[in-house]
Amino acid sequence: MSGDTDVLAIAICAAVISLTLWITFAVARRSRSADGFFAAGRSISSWQNGFAISGEFISAGSFLGTTGLIFYKGVDGTVILFTSVISFIPVLLLLAEKMRNIGKYTIGDVLVFRTEARRVRVAVALSTVATGTFVLLAQLVAAGTLLESIAGIPFWMSVLVAGTLMAVYVFVGGMVATTWVQVIKSSILAILAAVIALGVLAKFGFSLPLLFSSATDHAVEGDAIFTPGVIFGDGGTLNLLSYALTFALGTAGMAHILIRFFTVPEAGTARRSLGWTVALCSMFYLIVVLMGYGAAALLGANGAEKVGPGGNLAAPVLVTELGGGAGTVGGSLALALVSAVAFASIVAVVAGVVISAAGTFARDVWPSLVRPRTTSGSTAAEVDEDRQARVARYGAVVFSIFAIGITLLIGDDTNITYFMGMAFMVAGSAHLPALVLSLSWRRFTAVGAVWGILTGLVSTIVTLMLTDALWMGSGPAPLGIQLPVIITLPLSLFACLVGSLLSGRAADRDQDDEKFAEMIVRAETGIGAESASTH
């Protein structure tokens, strides 16, 4: 890129980031209390929450990674997008309203409503940090790659800038700031994506058949981009099914998305916010499909070197081409705008993940470290919630430093969509079975929750190590399934069931039944929701 392009891109990035930082400091006063820091004072409306959830969901993985995946692999990349939209159905039907009525600040609050607190909270904390780490790796790799390519800033420095910004958002503004940053980012990104889609279609006379035909003629994989199996390879249908299930069910276990239901005033608002989310995500993902095939058609196989081995720069290179090409005023301006919005998108998403991980540590782990365990196993309620918020602020800084270090170790050669797939796999396997059973099964116990969560987490890590992406041995990987959630989720569900059945005690049955009945009433009516359990 030319020096002028570098300066323009940096200037627009700085302008967007300055706007979000101004908002962060402007709302800082509203985040001083625990309720303000963790749940934005439960004052977020349905459209605001819908835009914020969309902002969490429309990440660098979908905007940059999936565009590159479609550029290289074609139709298989669209599976991720369409199953991601479907993923909000289980969230709506099984979790959204019930979680808002039962929980308080974290998914650990939901799981301990009926069970002994310490073991469950620690298990949830481990899985939440693991999920958040994979998400942050994807986003920070994207941030580093983006700034390095458009502005000439070294990868390590780009990652450091993004990591520092996400820590500032959380430390200063808490959930209020991250919510408004997501709302602004989603609005700008939706408008920009619509303009890009029109630009792609205009190149082909607004004819989809002509666009797809050109993509077939020029794509890296040629005709194969419209043939299923380019990504899923020898795993075939089973690999495709497991990949789809990962993204379809993983959302229902993503802590940084689920905690957004605690920011709204009542359960009906949580339900309506998902309507906004589905509408925005559906529109955006259709545009990503156009961008992916547009990149294949306009850049062709010769564009592979520009977009990089992971395909993460396909979107910026495409918009440069739409603007008139590299070195032109239009191309430079288009690249700068998209890069600035993409970078803001990355920082917004990582801020949401960091506040989730920091909140989980402060609320689910730290009280157990500073207060002795009582006979009931209750610890979180004994520690002042405002102190928990202060611990979460500093925990956000520590977690940010950790994520920056890991990102610098792995480098920038991996497609970030696959990292996101790992995060969805951990979330779906470790959290979803335990959450659903906790909200619906009378005999579910703390032992079942711990067994299920840890089984989902450990089995995910082990099976991922046996796939092509992470296989450390020589020769073909033992598992041909790339994201084997089809193995790990049933294992987690089985562990939840067995652990609960083996640990159930007849002496406690009356108390368990009473607690389950209380939970059902609160989940369905919202009575007592503002005094949610703090076991």
Protein backbone atom coordinates (compact mmCIF):
# COMPACT_ATOMS: atom_id res chain seq x y z
CA MET A 1 0.00 0.00 0.00
CA SER A 2 1.14 3.55 -0.56
CA GLY A 3 1.99 5.97 2.22
CA ASP A 4 -1.15 8.02 1.51
CA THR A 5 -3.30 4.94 1.85
CA ASP A 6 -1.65 4.12 5.16
CA VAL A 7 -2.29 7.59 6.55
CA LEU A 8 -5.91 7.64 5.39
CA ALA A 9 -6.64 4.21 6.86
CA ILE A 10 -5.05 5.11 10.16
CA ALA A 11 -6.94 8.41 10.30
CA ILE A 12 -10.34 6.81 9.75
CA CYS A 13 -9.55 4.00 12.21
CA ALA A 14 -8.54 6.63 14.76
CA ALA A 15 -11.77 8.58 14.17
CA VAL A 16 -13.98 5.52 14.71
CA ILE A 17 -12.05 4.40 17.77
CA SER A 18 -12.12 7.96 19.17
CA LEU A 19 -15.91 7.96 18.89
CA THR A 20 -16.21 4.69 20.80
CA LEU A 21 -13.74 5.84 23.44
CA TRP A 22 -15.69 9.07 23.93
CA ILE A 23 -18.84 7.03 24.50
CA THR A 24 -16.99 4.74 26.91
CA PHE A 25 -15.85 7.61 29.13
CA ALA A 26 -19.20 9.39 28.79
CA VAL A 27 -21.13 6.43 30.25
CA ALA A 28 -18.49 5.46 32.81
CA ARG A 29 -20.50 6.94 35.67
CA ARG A 30 -23.38 4.53 34.91
CA SER A 31 -21.11 1.52 35.35
CA ARG A 32 -19.81 2.25 38.84
CA SER A 33 -22.27 -0.07 40.62
CA ALA A 34 -22.22 -3.83 40.17
CA ASP A 35 -25.59 -3.72 38.42
CA GLY A 36 -24.31 -1.07 36.03
CA PHE A 37 -21.00 -2.81 35.36
CA PHE A 38 -22.32 -6.34 34.86
CA ALA A 39 -25.81 -5.69 33.43
CA ALA A 40 -25.93 -2.04 32.23
CA GLY A 41 -28.49 -1.32 34.95
CA ARG A 42 -30.96 -3.61 33.13
CA SER A 43 -31.94 -0.56 31.09
CA ILE A 44 -31.26 -1.77 27.53
CA SER A 45 -34.24 -1.77 25.15
CA SER A 46 -35.09 -4.57 22.73
CA TRP A 47 -33.65 -2.89 19.64
CA GLN A 48 -30.51 -1.83 21.49
CA ASN A 49 -29.98 -5.34 22.82
CA GLY A 50 -30.73 -6.81 19.39
CA PHE A 51 -28.11 -4.58 17.80
CA ALA A 52 -25.65 -5.39 20.60
CA ILE A 53 -26.14 -9.16 20.22
CA SER A 54 -25.73 -8.77 16.47
CA GLY A 55 -22.54 -6.85 17.17
CA GLU A 56 -21.24 -9.73 19.29
CA PHE A 57 -22.24 -12.23 16.62
CA ILE A 58 -21.16 -10.35 13.49
CA SER A 59 -17.49 -10.60 14.29
CA ALA A 60 -14.26 -10.66 12.34
CA GLY A 61 -14.90 -14.36 11.90
CA SER A 62 -17.97 -13.70 9.76
CA PHE A 63 -16.96 -10.43 8.10
CA LEU A 64 -13.34 -11.27 7.28
CA GLY A 65 -12.87 -15.00 7.88
CA THR A 66 -16.02 -16.32 6.22
CA THR A 67 -15.64 -14.02 3.21
CA GLY A 68 -12.19 -15.52 2.73
CA LEU A 69 -13.52 -19.02 3.33
CA ILE A 70 -16.13 -18.61 0.57
CA PHE A 71 -13.48 -17.04 -1.68
CA TYR A 72 -11.35 -20.17 -1.36
CA LYS A 73 -13.85 -22.95 -0.69
CA GLY A 74 -17.21 -21.74 -1.99
CA VAL A 75 -20.50 -23.24 -0.96
CA ASP A 76 -19.19 -25.04 2.13
CA GLY A 77 -18.47 -21.67 3.70
CA THR A 78 -22.14 -20.71 3.49
CA VAL A 79 -23.05 -23.60 5.82
CA ILE A 80 -21.50 -21.68 8.69
CA LEU A 81 -23.53 -18.56 7.93
CA PHE A 82 -26.92 -20.20 7.54
CA THR A 83 -26.54 -22.42 10.60
CA SER A 84 -25.46 -19.36 12.58
CA VAL A 85 -28.82 -17.69 11.89
CA ILE A 86 -30.67 -20.89 12.80
CA SER A 87 -28.73 -20.98 16.07
CA PHE A 88 -30.97 -18.31 17.59
CA ILE A 89 -33.96 -20.69 17.53
CA PRO A 90 -32.75 -22.83 20.48
CA VAL A 91 -31.70 -19.65 22.29
CA LEU A 92 -35.22 -18.23 21.87
CA LEU A 93 -37.13 -21.40 22.71
CA LEU A 94 -34.96 -22.79 25.50
CA LEU A 95 -33.00 -20.04 27.21
CA ALA A 96 -33.61 -16.32 26.59
CA GLU A 97 -36.64 -15.52 28.76
CA LYS A 98 -35.90 -18.14 31.41
CA MET A 99 -32.35 -16.96 31.87
CA ARG A 100 -33.47 -13.34 32.22
CA ASN A 101 -35.91 -14.32 34.97
CA ILE A 102 -33.60 -16.66 36.87
CA GLY A 103 -30.07 -15.34 36.51
CA LYS A 104 -28.42 -12.14 37.59
CA TYR A 105 -25.05 -11.45 35.95
CA THR A 106 -23.49 -14.69 34.65
CA ILE A 107 -24.59 -18.10 33.39
CA GLY A 108 -23.14 -19.46 36.64
CA ASP A 109 -25.97 -17.68 38.46
CA VAL A 110 -28.47 -19.71 36.45
CA LEU A 111 -26.75 -23.03 37.07
CA VAL A 112 -26.41 -22.56 40.83
CA PHE A 113 -30.03 -21.53 41.39
CA ARG A 114 -30.85 -25.15 42.32
CA THR A 115 -27.40 -26.51 43.15
CA GLU A 116 -24.43 -26.11 45.49
CA ALA A 117 -22.43 -23.16 44.28
CA ARG A 118 -18.67 -23.53 44.42
CA ARG A 119 -18.02 -26.57 42.23
CA VAL A 120 -20.46 -25.50 39.54
CA ARG A 121 -19.18 -21.93 39.44
CA VAL A 122 -15.55 -23.01 39.08
CA ALA A 123 -16.44 -25.46 36.28
CA VAL A 124 -18.40 -22.75 34.45
CA ALA A 125 -15.52 -20.34 34.87
CA LEU A 126 -13.07 -22.77 33.28
CA SER A 127 -15.28 -23.40 30.26
CA THR A 128 -16.16 -19.71 29.88
CA VAL A 129 -12.49 -18.71 29.85
CA ALA A 130 -11.72 -21.46 27.33
CA THR A 131 -14.54 -20.28 25.05
CA GLY A 132 -13.52 -16.66 25.41
CA THR A 133 -9.88 -17.49 24.65
CA PHE A 134 -10.77 -19.05 21.30
CA VAL A 135 -12.96 -16.07 20.39
CA LEU A 136 -10.26 -13.62 21.36
CA LEU A 137 -7.65 -15.50 19.35
CA ALA A 138 -9.84 -15.20 16.26
CA GLN A 139 -10.51 -11.51 16.76
CA LEU A 140 -6.97 -10.48 17.70
CA VAL A 141 -5.45 -12.41 14.78
CA ALA A 142 -7.87 -10.52 12.53
CA ALA A 143 -6.95 -7.19 14.12
CA GLY A 144 -3.24 -7.83 13.72
CA THR A 145 -3.57 -8.99 10.13
CA LEU A 146 -5.79 -6.06 9.21
CA LEU A 147 -3.65 -3.25 10.59
CA GLU A 148 -0.47 -4.88 9.36
CA SER A 149 -1.78 -5.08 5.80
CA ILE A 150 -3.44 -1.67 5.48
CA ALA A 151 -1.25 0.54 7.62
CA GLY A 152 2.10 -1.20 7.73
CA ILE A 153 1.90 -1.55 11.51
CA PRO A 154 3.71 -4.73 12.67
CA PHE A 155 1.46 -7.64 13.63
CA TRP A 156 2.58 -7.61 17.26
CA MET A 157 1.88 -3.91 17.62
CA SER A 158 -1.54 -4.24 15.98
CA VAL A 159 -2.51 -6.99 18.40
CA LEU A 160 -1.25 -4.89 21.31
CA VAL A 161 -3.35 -1.89 20.19
CA ALA A 162 -6.54 -3.99 19.89
CA GLY A 163 -5.93 -5.74 23.19
CA THR A 164 -5.32 -2.47 25.01
CA LEU A 165 -8.49 -0.92 23.62
CA MET A 166 -10.65 -3.87 24.69
CA ALA A 167 -9.26 -3.62 28.22
CA VAL A 168 -10.03 0.11 28.34
CA TYR A 169 -13.64 -0.39 27.17
CA VAL A 170 -14.32 -2.91 29.93
CA PHE A 171 -12.29 -1.30 32.70
CA VAL A 172 -13.79 2.14 32.22
CA GLY A 173 -17.30 1.58 30.88
CA GLY A 174 -18.35 -1.97 31.75
CA MET A 175 -21.43 -3.43 30.10
CA VAL A 176 -22.96 -0.02 29.37
CA ALA A 177 -20.00 1.02 27.22
CA THR A 178 -19.65 -2.34 25.45
CA THR A 179 -23.37 -2.30 24.63
CA TRP A 180 -23.29 1.14 23.02
CA VAL A 181 -20.06 0.37 21.20
CA GLN A 182 -21.76 -2.71 19.74
CA VAL A 183 -24.86 -0.71 18.76
CA ILE A 184 -22.79 1.88 16.91
CA LYS A 185 -20.60 -0.74 15.28
CA SER A 186 -23.58 -2.81 14.11
CA SER A 187 -25.28 0.24 12.62
CA ILE A 188 -22.20 1.39 10.70
CA LEU A 189 -21.32 -2.13 9.58
CA ALA A 190 -24.85 -2.83 8.32
CA ILE A 191 -24.85 0.33 6.20
CA LEU A 192 -21.36 -0.31 4.86
CA ALA A 193 -22.11 -3.95 4.06
CA ALA A 194 -25.23 -2.95 2.11
CA VAL A 195 -23.15 -0.50 0.04
CA ILE A 196 -20.56 -3.21 -0.67
CA ALA A 197 -23.28 -5.64 -1.76
CA LEU A 198 -24.67 -3.08 -4.20
CA GLY A 199 -21.16 -2.47 -5.49
CA VAL A 200 -20.59 -6.18 -6.12
CA LEU A 201 -23.94 -6.61 -7.87
CA ALA A 202 -23.38 -3.49 -9.97
CA LYS A 203 -20.22 -5.08 -11.40
CA PHE A 204 -22.40 -7.82 -12.87
CA GLY A 205 -25.42 -5.78 -13.95
CA PHE A 206 -27.30 -6.84 -10.77
CA SER A 207 -27.45 -10.37 -12.16
CA LEU A 208 -26.81 -13.15 -9.65
CA PRO A 209 -26.44 -15.84 -12.36
CA LEU A 210 -23.75 -13.74 -14.03
CA LEU A 211 -21.96 -13.24 -10.70
CA PHE A 212 -21.97 -16.96 -9.90
CA SER A 213 -20.90 -17.87 -13.42
CA SER A 214 -17.94 -15.51 -13.20
CA ALA A 215 -17.03 -16.89 -9.79
CA THR A 216 -16.97 -20.40 -11.25
CA ASP A 217 -14.70 -19.29 -14.08
CA HIS A 218 -12.16 -17.45 -11.90
CA ALA A 219 -12.21 -19.05 -8.43
CA VAL A 220 -9.20 -20.81 -6.94
CA GLU A 221 -11.16 -24.08 -6.80
CA GLY A 222 -12.96 -23.50 -10.12
CA ASP A 223 -16.25 -25.38 -10.49
CA ALA A 224 -15.69 -27.01 -7.10
CA ILE A 225 -16.76 -23.87 -5.22
CA PHE A 226 -20.37 -24.85 -5.94
CA THR A 227 -19.76 -28.48 -4.97
CA PRO A 228 -20.16 -29.52 -1.32
CA GLY A 229 -17.16 -31.19 0.25
CA VAL A 230 -14.29 -28.80 -0.50
CA ILE A 231 -13.94 -27.99 3.20
CA PHE A 232 -15.39 -31.15 4.65
CA GLY A 233 -13.28 -33.46 2.52
CA ASP A 234 -13.09 -37.14 3.42
CA GLY A 235 -15.41 -36.67 6.40
CA GLY A 236 -18.26 -36.18 3.96
CA THR A 237 -21.79 -35.93 5.31
CA LEU A 238 -20.76 -36.65 8.90
CA ASN A 239 -18.22 -33.84 8.83
CA LEU A 240 -20.79 -31.46 7.33
CA LEU A 241 -23.37 -32.42 9.97
CA SER A 242 -20.96 -31.91 12.85
CA TYR A 243 -19.75 -28.59 11.43
CA ALA A 244 -23.35 -27.38 11.09
CA LEU A 245 -24.31 -28.52 14.59
CA THR A 246 -21.29 -26.70 16.02
CA PHE A 247 -22.55 -23.34 14.81
CA ALA A 248 -26.27 -24.11 15.19
CA LEU A 249 -26.01 -25.12 18.85
CA GLY A 250 -22.89 -23.30 19.97
CA THR A 251 -24.62 -19.91 20.22
CA ALA A 252 -26.86 -21.26 22.98
CA GLY A 253 -23.76 -21.77 25.12
CA MET A 254 -21.81 -18.60 24.32
CA ALA A 255 -21.46 -16.79 27.65
CA HIS A 256 -20.75 -13.35 26.18
CA ILE A 257 -23.98 -13.56 24.16
CA LEU A 258 -26.17 -15.10 26.87
CA ILE A 259 -25.25 -12.50 29.49
CA ARG A 260 -26.84 -9.85 27.27
CA PHE A 261 -30.24 -11.16 28.34
CA PHE A 262 -29.45 -9.89 31.84
CA THR A 263 -29.19 -6.30 30.54
CA VAL A 264 -32.88 -5.91 29.62
CA PRO A 265 -35.69 -4.88 32.01
CA GLU A 266 -37.89 -7.95 31.57
CA ALA A 267 -38.16 -11.30 29.74
CA GLY A 268 -40.41 -10.04 26.94
CA THR A 269 -37.70 -7.57 25.95
CA ALA A 270 -35.20 -10.43 25.78
CA ARG A 271 -37.48 -12.26 23.38
CA ARG A 272 -38.06 -9.22 21.15
CA SER A 273 -34.36 -8.42 21.03
CA LEU A 274 -33.75 -11.74 19.29
CA GLY A 275 -36.10 -10.63 16.51
CA TRP A 276 -33.85 -7.64 15.85
CA THR A 277 -30.81 -9.90 16.02
CA VAL A 278 -32.12 -12.41 13.48
CA ALA A 279 -33.14 -9.67 11.05
CA LEU A 280 -29.75 -7.95 11.19
CA CYS A 281 -27.70 -11.14 11.06
CA SER A 282 -29.73 -12.58 8.17
CA MET A 283 -29.21 -9.44 6.11
CA PHE A 284 -25.53 -9.28 6.91
CA TYR A 285 -24.83 -12.95 6.17
CA LEU A 286 -26.53 -12.76 2.78
CA ILE A 287 -24.20 -9.86 2.02
CA VAL A 288 -21.17 -11.90 3.17
CA VAL A 289 -22.16 -14.62 0.68
CA LEU A 290 -22.23 -12.00 -2.09
CA MET A 291 -18.87 -10.68 -0.93
CA GLY A 292 -17.29 -14.13 -0.91
CA TYR A 293 -18.43 -15.02 -4.42
CA GLY A 294 -17.78 -11.46 -5.56
CA ALA A 295 -14.19 -11.78 -4.36
CA ALA A 296 -13.85 -15.09 -6.21
CA ALA A 297 -15.24 -13.53 -9.41
CA LEU A 298 -13.38 -10.21 -9.31
CA LEU A 299 -10.07 -11.21 -7.75
CA GLY A 300 -9.83 -14.72 -9.17
CA ALA A 301 -7.10 -17.23 -8.45
CA ASN A 302 -4.50 -14.51 -8.92
CA GLY A 303 -5.92 -12.74 -5.87
CA ALA A 304 -4.94 -15.57 -3.53
CA GLU A 305 -1.59 -13.97 -2.74
CA LYS A 306 -3.24 -10.67 -1.80
CA VAL A 307 -5.88 -12.19 0.50
CA GLY A 308 -3.34 -14.35 2.32
CA PRO A 309 -3.24 -18.10 3.02
CA GLY A 310 -6.07 -17.87 5.55
CA GLY A 311 -8.23 -15.67 3.30
CA ASN A 312 -8.66 -13.10 6.06
CA LEU A 313 -8.01 -10.13 3.76
CA ALA A 314 -10.50 -11.06 1.04
CA ALA A 315 -13.01 -8.39 2.12
CA PRO A 316 -10.52 -5.47 2.25
CA VAL A 317 -8.97 -6.46 -1.10
CA LEU A 318 -12.44 -6.77 -2.64
CA VAL A 319 -13.57 -3.30 -1.59
CA THR A 320 -10.31 -1.85 -2.87
CA GLU A 321 -11.12 -3.37 -6.25
CA LEU A 322 -14.68 -2.02 -6.12
CA GLY A 323 -13.35 1.44 -5.32
CA GLY A 324 -11.17 1.52 -8.40
CA GLY A 325 -8.17 -0.61 -7.49
CA ALA A 326 -5.04 -0.22 -5.43
CA GLY A 327 -3.41 3.19 -5.69
CA THR A 328 -6.60 5.04 -6.72
CA VAL A 329 -8.35 7.57 -4.51
CA GLY A 330 -11.58 5.54 -4.54
CA GLY A 331 -9.79 2.29 -3.77
CA SER A 332 -7.82 3.86 -0.93
CA LEU A 333 -10.93 5.45 0.59
CA ALA A 334 -12.96 2.23 0.32
CA LEU A 335 -10.15 0.21 1.90
CA ALA A 336 -9.76 2.72 4.71
CA LEU A 337 -13.48 2.76 5.52
CA VAL A 338 -13.87 -1.01 5.55
CA SER A 339 -10.69 -1.53 7.52
CA ALA A 340 -11.70 1.04 10.12
CA VAL A 341 -15.14 -0.50 10.60
CA ALA A 342 -13.69 -4.01 10.64
CA PHE A 343 -11.17 -3.00 13.28
CA ALA A 344 -13.88 -1.35 15.37
CA SER A 345 -15.92 -4.53 14.97
CA ILE A 346 -13.06 -6.63 16.25
CA VAL A 347 -12.43 -4.45 19.29
CA ALA A 348 -16.15 -4.35 20.14
CA VAL A 349 -16.46 -8.13 20.05
CA VAL A 350 -13.37 -8.74 22.15
CA ALA A 351 -14.62 -6.23 24.72
CA GLY A 352 -17.83 -8.24 25.08
CA VAL A 353 -15.87 -11.46 25.52
CA VAL A 354 -13.51 -9.88 28.06
CA ILE A 355 -16.35 -8.56 30.24
CA SER A 356 -17.90 -12.03 30.20
CA ALA A 357 -14.68 -13.76 31.23
CA ALA A 358 -13.78 -11.11 33.82
CA GLY A 359 -17.29 -11.17 35.25
CA THR A 360 -17.20 -14.93 35.50
CA PHE A 361 -13.94 -14.83 37.43
CA ALA A 362 -15.08 -12.04 39.75
CA ARG A 363 -18.45 -13.58 40.49
CA ASP A 364 -17.90 -17.31 40.15
CA VAL A 365 -14.29 -17.86 41.30
CA TRP A 366 -12.95 -14.95 43.34
CA PRO A 367 -15.54 -15.18 46.17
CA SER A 368 -14.46 -18.77 46.77
CA LEU A 369 -10.86 -17.63 47.11
CA VAL A 370 -11.47 -14.87 49.64
CA ARG A 371 -14.30 -16.32 51.75
CA PRO A 372 -14.39 -19.70 53.52
CA ARG A 373 -16.93 -22.20 52.35
CA THR A 374 -20.07 -22.44 54.48
CA THR A 375 -22.03 -25.58 55.19
CA SER A 376 -24.32 -24.75 52.31
CA GLY A 377 -21.43 -24.14 49.95
CA SER A 378 -22.51 -20.55 49.40
CA THR A 379 -19.79 -17.97 48.81
CA ALA A 380 -20.75 -15.42 46.16
CA ALA A 381 -23.50 -13.87 48.25
CA GLU A 382 -21.04 -13.25 51.09
CA VAL A 383 -18.88 -10.91 49.00
CA ASP A 384 -20.10 -7.40 48.26
CA GLU A 385 -21.15 -7.14 44.61
CA ASP A 386 -19.49 -3.76 44.15
CA ARG A 387 -16.21 -5.40 45.17
CA GLN A 388 -16.88 -8.09 42.59
CA ALA A 389 -17.25 -5.36 39.96
CA ARG A 390 -13.89 -3.88 40.96
CA VAL A 391 -12.25 -7.30 40.75
CA ALA A 392 -13.81 -7.79 37.32
CA ARG A 393 -12.29 -4.53 36.06
CA TYR A 394 -8.78 -5.63 36.98
CA GLY A 395 -9.52 -9.17 35.82
CA ALA A 396 -10.32 -7.72 32.39
CA VAL A 397 -6.82 -6.26 32.22
CA VAL A 398 -5.21 -9.57 33.20
CA PHE A 399 -7.31 -11.56 30.73
CA SER A 400 -6.47 -9.06 27.96
CA ILE A 401 -2.74 -9.47 28.62
CA PHE A 402 -3.14 -13.24 28.54
CA ALA A 403 -5.04 -13.13 25.21
CA ILE A 404 -2.46 -10.81 23.65
CA GLY A 405 0.36 -13.16 24.63
CA ILE A 406 -1.32 -16.26 23.22
CA THR A 407 -2.19 -14.46 19.97
CA LEU A 408 1.41 -13.39 19.43
CA LEU A 409 2.50 -17.01 19.92
CA ILE A 410 0.15 -18.48 17.30
CA GLY A 411 0.77 -15.85 14.61
CA ASP A 412 -1.48 -14.89 11.71
CA ASP A 413 -1.64 -17.82 9.29
CA THR A 414 -4.85 -19.50 10.50
CA ASN A 415 -8.32 -18.74 9.11
CA ILE A 416 -10.11 -17.03 11.99
CA THR A 417 -13.42 -18.72 11.20
CA TYR A 418 -11.94 -22.01 12.39
CA PHE A 419 -10.97 -20.46 15.71
CA MET A 420 -14.55 -19.26 16.06
CA GLY A 421 -15.69 -22.80 15.32
CA MET A 422 -13.58 -24.03 18.23
CA ALA A 423 -15.23 -21.47 20.50
CA PHE A 424 -18.72 -22.52 19.40
CA MET A 425 -17.77 -26.16 19.94
CA VAL A 426 -16.63 -25.58 23.53
CA ALA A 427 -19.72 -23.50 24.29
CA GLY A 428 -22.17 -25.96 22.78
CA SER A 429 -20.58 -29.00 24.40
CA ALA A 430 -19.77 -27.62 27.86
CA HIS A 431 -22.66 -25.20 28.54
CA LEU A 432 -25.73 -26.11 26.52
CA PRO A 433 -26.59 -29.54 28.03
CA ALA A 434 -26.10 -28.27 31.59
CA LEU A 435 -28.17 -25.12 31.02
CA VAL A 436 -31.08 -26.93 29.37
CA LEU A 437 -31.20 -29.69 31.99
CA SER A 438 -30.91 -27.20 34.83
CA LEU A 439 -33.92 -25.31 33.51
CA SER A 440 -36.06 -28.35 32.73
CA TRP A 441 -35.09 -31.53 34.66
CA ARG A 442 -36.19 -31.95 38.26
CA ARG A 443 -33.45 -34.44 39.19
CA PHE A 444 -30.53 -32.41 37.84
CA THR A 445 -27.79 -31.95 40.47
CA ALA A 446 -24.54 -30.07 41.05
CA VAL A 447 -22.55 -33.24 40.34
CA GLY A 448 -24.34 -33.63 37.02
CA ALA A 449 -23.56 -30.01 36.13
CA VAL A 450 -19.86 -30.34 36.98
CA TRP A 451 -19.49 -33.68 35.21
CA GLY A 452 -21.26 -32.40 32.11
CA ILE A 453 -19.37 -29.11 31.88
CA LEU A 454 -15.94 -30.64 32.45
CA THR A 455 -16.66 -33.58 30.13
CA GLY A 456 -17.71 -31.17 27.39
CA LEU A 457 -14.62 -29.02 27.91
CA VAL A 458 -12.06 -31.83 28.15
CA SER A 459 -13.54 -33.91 25.31
CA THR A 460 -13.56 -30.83 23.07
CA ILE A 461 -9.89 -30.09 23.70
CA VAL A 462 -8.88 -33.73 23.26
CA THR A 463 -10.82 -34.29 20.05
CA LEU A 464 -9.63 -31.00 18.56
CA MET A 465 -6.06 -32.15 19.15
CA LEU A 466 -6.84 -35.19 16.98
CA THR A 467 -8.15 -33.20 14.00
CA ASP A 468 -6.21 -31.90 11.00
CA ALA A 469 -6.00 -28.34 12.29
CA LEU A 470 -4.30 -29.20 15.59
CA TRP A 471 -2.90 -32.70 15.05
CA MET A 472 0.68 -32.61 16.29
CA GLY A 473 1.74 -36.03 15.04
CA SER A 474 2.92 -37.12 11.61
CA GLY A 475 0.64 -38.55 8.97
CA PRO A 476 -3.15 -38.16 8.72
CA ALA A 477 -5.06 -37.01 11.79
CA PRO A 478 -6.91 -39.74 13.73
CA LEU A 479 -10.21 -37.85 13.40
CA GLY A 480 -11.51 -36.87 9.99
CA ILE A 481 -14.16 -34.60 11.55
CA GLN A 482 -12.89 -31.04 11.80
CA LEU A 483 -15.20 -29.79 14.56
CA PRO A 484 -16.35 -33.03 16.25
CA VAL A 485 -19.22 -31.61 18.31
CA ILE A 486 -21.22 -34.63 17.15
CA ILE A 487 -19.01 -36.58 19.58
CA THR A 488 -18.46 -34.11 22.40
CA LEU A 489 -22.00 -32.81 22.93
CA PRO A 490 -23.55 -36.28 23.46
CA LEU A 491 -20.70 -37.10 25.85
CA SER A 492 -21.44 -33.97 27.87
CA LEU A 493 -25.17 -34.71 27.93
CA PHE A 494 -24.49 -38.30 29.04
CA ALA A 495 -22.19 -37.08 31.82
CA CYS A 496 -24.88 -34.64 33.03
CA LEU A 497 -27.44 -37.45 33.19
CA VAL A 498 -25.19 -40.04 34.84
CA GLY A 499 -23.75 -37.58 37.35
CA SER A 500 -27.21 -36.42 38.38
CA LEU A 501 -28.65 -39.92 38.69
CA LEU A 502 -25.71 -41.25 40.70
CA SER A 503 -25.59 -38.28 43.05
CA GLY A 504 -29.31 -37.86 43.71
CA ARG A 505 -30.23 -38.47 47.36
CA ALA A 506 -33.70 -39.35 48.52
CA ALA A 507 -33.20 -37.38 51.75
CA ASP A 508 -32.90 -34.15 49.80
CA ARG A 509 -35.74 -34.88 47.37
CA ASP A 510 -38.33 -32.65 49.08
CA GLN A 511 -35.94 -29.70 49.20
CA ASP A 512 -34.91 -30.29 45.58
CA ASP A 513 -38.53 -30.44 44.47
CA GLU A 514 -39.28 -27.19 46.29
CA LYS A 515 -36.34 -25.42 44.67
CA PHE A 516 -37.28 -26.74 41.23
CA ALA A 517 -40.86 -25.52 41.67
CA GLU A 518 -39.57 -22.08 42.69
CA MET A 519 -37.36 -21.98 39.61
CA ILE A 520 -40.21 -22.93 37.27
CA VAL A 521 -42.47 -20.20 38.68
CA ARG A 522 -39.75 -17.57 38.38
CA ALA A 523 -38.74 -18.71 34.88
CA GLU A 524 -42.29 -18.55 33.55
CA THR A 525 -43.58 -15.48 35.40
CA GLY A 526 -40.56 -13.37 36.26
CA ILE A 527 -41.66 -13.09 39.90
CA GLY A 528 -38.59 -12.34 42.01
CA ALA A 529 -36.34 -11.89 38.97
CA GLU A 530 -34.70 -8.73 40.33
CA SER A 531 -33.54 -10.64 43.40
CA ALA A 532 -32.03 -13.45 41.36
CA SER A 533 -30.08 -16.11 43.18
CA THR A 534 -26.63 -15.21 44.40
CA HIS A 535 -25.69 -18.53 45.95
